[in-house]
Protein backbone atom coordinates (compact mmCIF):
# COMPACT_ATOMS: atom_id res chain seq x y z
CA VAL A 1 129.50 144.92 101.28
CA THR A 2 132.12 146.52 103.53
CA LEU A 3 134.04 143.26 103.75
CA ALA A 4 134.06 142.89 99.95
CA THR A 5 135.11 146.51 99.49
CA ASN A 6 138.00 146.20 101.95
CA SER A 7 139.15 142.90 100.47
CA LEU A 8 139.15 144.26 96.91
CA LYS A 9 140.83 147.50 98.01
CA ARG A 10 143.61 145.54 99.70
CA ASP A 11 144.12 143.45 96.55
CA LEU A 12 144.31 146.59 94.39
CA GLN A 13 146.79 148.53 96.52
CA ALA A 14 150.32 148.75 95.18
CA GLY A 15 153.07 147.20 97.24
CA ARG A 16 150.65 145.04 99.19
CA THR A 17 149.73 142.61 96.46
CA THR A 18 151.02 140.70 93.46
CA PRO A 19 149.93 141.37 89.87
CA GLU A 20 147.93 138.13 89.98
CA TYR A 21 145.85 139.31 92.94
CA ALA A 22 145.32 142.71 91.30
CA ALA A 23 144.21 141.03 88.06
CA ALA A 24 141.76 138.79 89.93
CA ALA A 25 140.38 141.75 91.89
CA LEU A 26 139.93 143.82 88.71
CA SER A 27 138.17 140.98 86.93
CA CYS A 28 135.90 140.40 89.93
CA LEU A 29 135.11 144.09 90.22
CA ALA A 30 134.30 144.44 86.52
CA ALA A 31 132.07 141.38 86.47
CA LEU A 32 130.32 141.56 89.83
CA GLY A 33 130.69 145.12 91.06
CA SER A 34 127.83 147.31 92.20
CA SER A 35 127.48 151.07 91.95
CA GLU A 36 128.58 151.40 95.56
CA LEU A 37 131.70 149.30 94.99
CA TYR A 38 132.51 151.28 91.86
CA ARG A 39 132.32 154.60 93.70
CA GLU A 40 134.50 153.30 96.54
CA LEU A 41 137.20 151.76 94.36
CA ALA A 42 137.34 154.08 91.34
CA ASP A 43 140.49 155.84 92.59
CA GLU A 44 142.33 152.53 93.08
CA VAL A 45 141.40 151.34 89.58
CA VAL A 46 142.46 154.63 87.98
CA ARG A 47 145.76 154.51 89.89
CA LEU A 48 146.48 151.06 88.44
CA ALA A 49 145.59 152.27 84.95
CA THR A 50 147.85 155.33 85.17
CA PRO A 51 151.58 154.92 84.56
CA GLY A 52 153.71 156.77 87.07
CA LYS A 53 157.33 157.41 87.79
CA GLY A 54 159.00 154.15 88.64
CA ASP A 55 155.88 152.33 87.47
CA ARG A 56 156.13 148.62 87.99
CA SER A 57 152.64 147.67 86.91
CA SER A 58 152.59 145.37 83.94
CA ILE A 59 150.87 146.04 80.66
CA ASP A 60 148.37 143.31 81.54
CA THR A 61 147.48 144.95 84.86
CA ARG A 62 147.07 148.36 83.21
CA LYS A 63 144.91 146.82 80.46
CA ARG A 64 142.68 145.13 83.01
CA ALA A 65 142.39 148.34 85.02
CA VAL A 66 141.43 150.38 81.95
CA ASN A 67 138.84 147.81 80.85
CA CYS A 68 137.48 147.62 84.40
CA PHE A 69 137.18 151.40 84.52
CA ALA A 70 135.38 151.35 81.17
CA ARG A 71 132.82 148.95 82.63
CA MET A 72 132.52 151.13 85.73
CA VAL A 73 131.84 154.25 83.63
CA GLU A 74 129.14 152.44 81.66
CA ARG A 75 127.30 151.57 84.85
CA VAL A 76 128.02 154.75 86.85
CA PRO A 77 128.50 157.64 84.38
CA GLU A 78 129.50 160.20 87.03
CA LEU A 79 132.79 158.31 87.47
CA VAL A 80 133.99 160.09 84.32
CA GLU A 81 135.14 162.84 86.69
CA ALA A 82 137.67 160.42 88.25
CA LEU A 83 139.49 160.05 84.92
CA PRO A 84 142.80 161.92 85.10
CA GLU A 85 143.60 164.40 82.37
CA GLY A 86 145.72 162.89 79.62
CA LEU A 87 145.14 159.23 80.52
CA LEU A 88 143.03 158.44 77.47
CA GLU A 89 145.38 160.26 75.11
CA GLY A 90 148.34 158.43 76.64
CA LEU A 91 146.63 155.07 76.14
CA LEU A 92 145.83 155.79 72.51
CA ARG A 93 149.45 156.81 71.85
CA ASP A 94 151.04 153.95 73.80
CA LYS A 95 153.45 151.59 72.06
CA SER A 96 151.49 148.57 73.26
CA LEU A 97 148.63 147.59 70.97
CA THR A 98 146.95 146.01 73.98
CA LEU A 99 146.80 149.35 75.77
CA GLN A 100 145.69 151.12 72.58
CA LEU A 101 142.78 148.70 72.28
CA ALA A 102 141.90 149.20 75.96
CA GLY A 103 141.98 152.95 75.32
CA CYS A 104 139.53 152.52 72.44
CA ASN A 105 137.27 150.49 74.72
CA LEU A 106 137.41 153.26 77.32
CA LEU A 107 136.68 155.90 74.68
CA GLU A 108 133.61 153.94 73.56
CA SER A 109 132.39 153.71 77.16
CA LEU A 110 132.91 157.42 77.69
CA CYS A 111 130.87 158.18 74.56
CA ARG A 112 128.06 155.96 75.78
CA ALA A 113 128.11 157.57 79.21
CA GLU A 114 127.63 161.09 77.89
């Protein structure tokens, strides 16, 4: 489990990976992740979902990160606390319809978790 966690964490870290590796890691985590993996990697997934100053992450990477986090919250409801303030509102107001849809998916998962 430690090897898988470290490998996925490396693939999710900014500056150390390409968007393709991040997308593959997010898909793997959403499909095959365990509660332990989710707790370990929640901060990395949220960081990819959150736009920042000088953000270079693509819309596709952000969408995958938001959908991955939605799956994580469904399986481990206490991860709701890792959601930064304003992220959901920002997704629902985004210009990209893809990110708006991902925001709706996250909102549905949050409702199910509570």
